[in-house]
Amino acid sequence: MFELQGRFIGAAQINNAWVQGSSVDHNDIPFYKYLDVRASYKIGDHFTVYGAVDNLTGVLPPEILFSSNIGDPSFTSPIRDDIYDYLGRQWRIGVRARF
């Protein structure tokens, strides 16, 4: 079995009302897409060999501007690991056994 999966995260814009006391001029976050590949092969009745690659193309997460101090003009760029893939390309292989 072979499978291609795509993960898509739509474009967004930071709401300046959330950043009290200042505004963000360049607050667009682009559309992001990831390509994941999975394959498995059944051997007999009890074993399956599998492999997977997540984020095959190695897409890096976007820079999201914010300030942790209200009114601070210096903005930093956190990584939103709850939304974007910040580890880059990941792969795994293994064997499953069922008896």
Protein backbone atom coordinates (compact mmCIF):
# COMPACT_ATOMS: atom_id res chain seq x y z
CA MET A 1 0.00 0.00 0.00
CA PHE A 2 1.32 3.44 -0.92
CA GLU A 3 -0.24 6.73 0.16
CA LEU A 4 0.45 10.43 -0.44
CA GLN A 5 -1.07 12.93 1.95
CA GLY A 6 -1.12 16.68 1.81
CA ARG A 7 -1.57 18.94 4.81
CA PHE A 8 -2.75 22.44 4.05
CA ILE A 9 -2.84 25.47 6.34
CA GLY A 10 -4.63 28.51 4.94
CA ALA A 11 -3.35 32.06 4.78
CA ALA A 12 -4.06 34.38 7.71
CA GLN A 13 -3.65 37.93 8.88
CA ILE A 14 -2.78 38.99 12.42
CA ASN A 15 -5.44 41.21 13.98
CA ASN A 16 -3.79 44.47 15.12
CA ALA A 17 -6.44 44.81 17.84
CA TRP A 18 -4.71 41.93 19.66
CA VAL A 19 -1.44 43.86 19.86
CA GLN A 20 -2.42 46.65 22.22
CA GLY A 21 -0.47 49.89 22.04
CA SER A 22 1.18 49.16 18.68
CA SER A 23 0.46 47.74 15.26
CA VAL A 24 2.08 45.25 12.93
CA ASP A 25 2.53 46.51 9.36
CA HIS A 26 3.56 43.25 7.69
CA ASN A 27 1.10 40.87 9.27
CA ASP A 28 0.26 38.44 6.48
CA ILE A 29 0.97 34.74 6.95
CA PRO A 30 1.08 32.83 3.63
CA PHE A 31 -0.69 29.59 2.71
CA TYR A 32 1.42 26.56 3.68
CA LYS A 33 1.36 23.00 2.38
CA TYR A 34 3.20 19.87 3.47
CA LEU A 35 3.69 16.61 1.59
CA ASP A 36 3.65 13.36 3.57
CA VAL A 37 4.40 9.91 2.09
CA ARG A 38 3.47 6.55 3.61
CA ALA A 39 4.01 3.01 2.41
CA SER A 40 3.45 -0.44 3.89
CA TYR A 41 3.85 -4.01 2.69
CA LYS A 42 2.23 -7.06 4.27
CA ILE A 43 4.46 -10.12 4.66
CA GLY A 44 2.46 -13.25 5.30
CA ASP A 45 -0.38 -13.22 7.82
CA HIS A 46 1.49 -11.73 10.76
CA PHE A 47 4.00 -9.08 9.65
CA THR A 48 3.81 -5.68 7.99
CA VAL A 49 6.81 -3.52 7.05
CA TYR A 50 6.07 0.21 6.91
CA GLY A 51 7.77 3.52 6.25
CA ALA A 52 6.74 7.16 6.35
CA VAL A 53 8.21 10.56 5.56
CA ASP A 54 6.49 13.66 6.95
CA ASN A 55 7.17 17.06 5.37
CA LEU A 56 9.01 15.45 2.46
CA THR A 57 9.89 18.81 0.90
CA GLY A 58 11.29 20.25 4.17
CA VAL A 59 9.02 23.31 4.33
CA LEU A 60 10.06 25.65 7.17
CA PRO A 61 7.43 27.31 9.39
CA PRO A 62 6.53 30.96 8.72
CA GLU A 63 7.72 33.87 10.81
CA ILE A 64 4.86 35.19 12.93
CA LEU A 65 5.46 38.68 14.28
CA PHE A 66 4.46 39.53 17.82
CA SER A 67 5.67 41.46 20.84
CA SER A 68 5.52 40.08 24.37
CA ASN A 69 5.72 43.62 25.83
CA ILE A 70 2.89 46.01 25.10
CA GLY A 71 4.23 49.05 23.25
CA ASP A 72 7.61 47.43 22.57
CA PRO A 73 8.54 48.27 18.94
CA SER A 74 10.90 45.28 18.64
CA PHE A 75 9.01 42.27 17.41
CA THR A 76 10.18 38.68 17.69
CA SER A 77 9.29 35.62 15.65
CA PRO A 78 8.03 32.61 17.62
CA ILE A 79 7.48 29.16 16.18
CA ARG A 80 3.85 28.07 16.38
CA ASP A 81 4.43 24.33 16.80
CA ASP A 82 0.75 23.80 17.54
CA ILE A 83 -0.07 24.79 13.95
CA TYR A 84 3.05 24.43 11.80
CA ASP A 85 5.64 21.67 11.37
CA TYR A 86 8.77 23.07 13.05
CA LEU A 87 10.87 19.88 13.04
CA GLY A 88 11.28 19.79 9.27
CA ARG A 89 11.53 16.49 7.43
CA GLN A 90 10.95 13.42 9.60
CA TRP A 91 11.08 9.77 8.61
CA ARG A 92 10.42 6.42 10.24
CA ILE A 93 10.46 2.76 9.33
CA GLY A 94 9.32 -0.26 11.27
CA VAL A 95 7.79 -3.70 11.45
CA ARG A 96 4.40 -4.56 12.92
CA ALA A 97 3.63 -8.07 14.17
CA ARG A 98 0.16 -9.46 14.87
CA PHE A 99 -0.49 -12.88 16.35
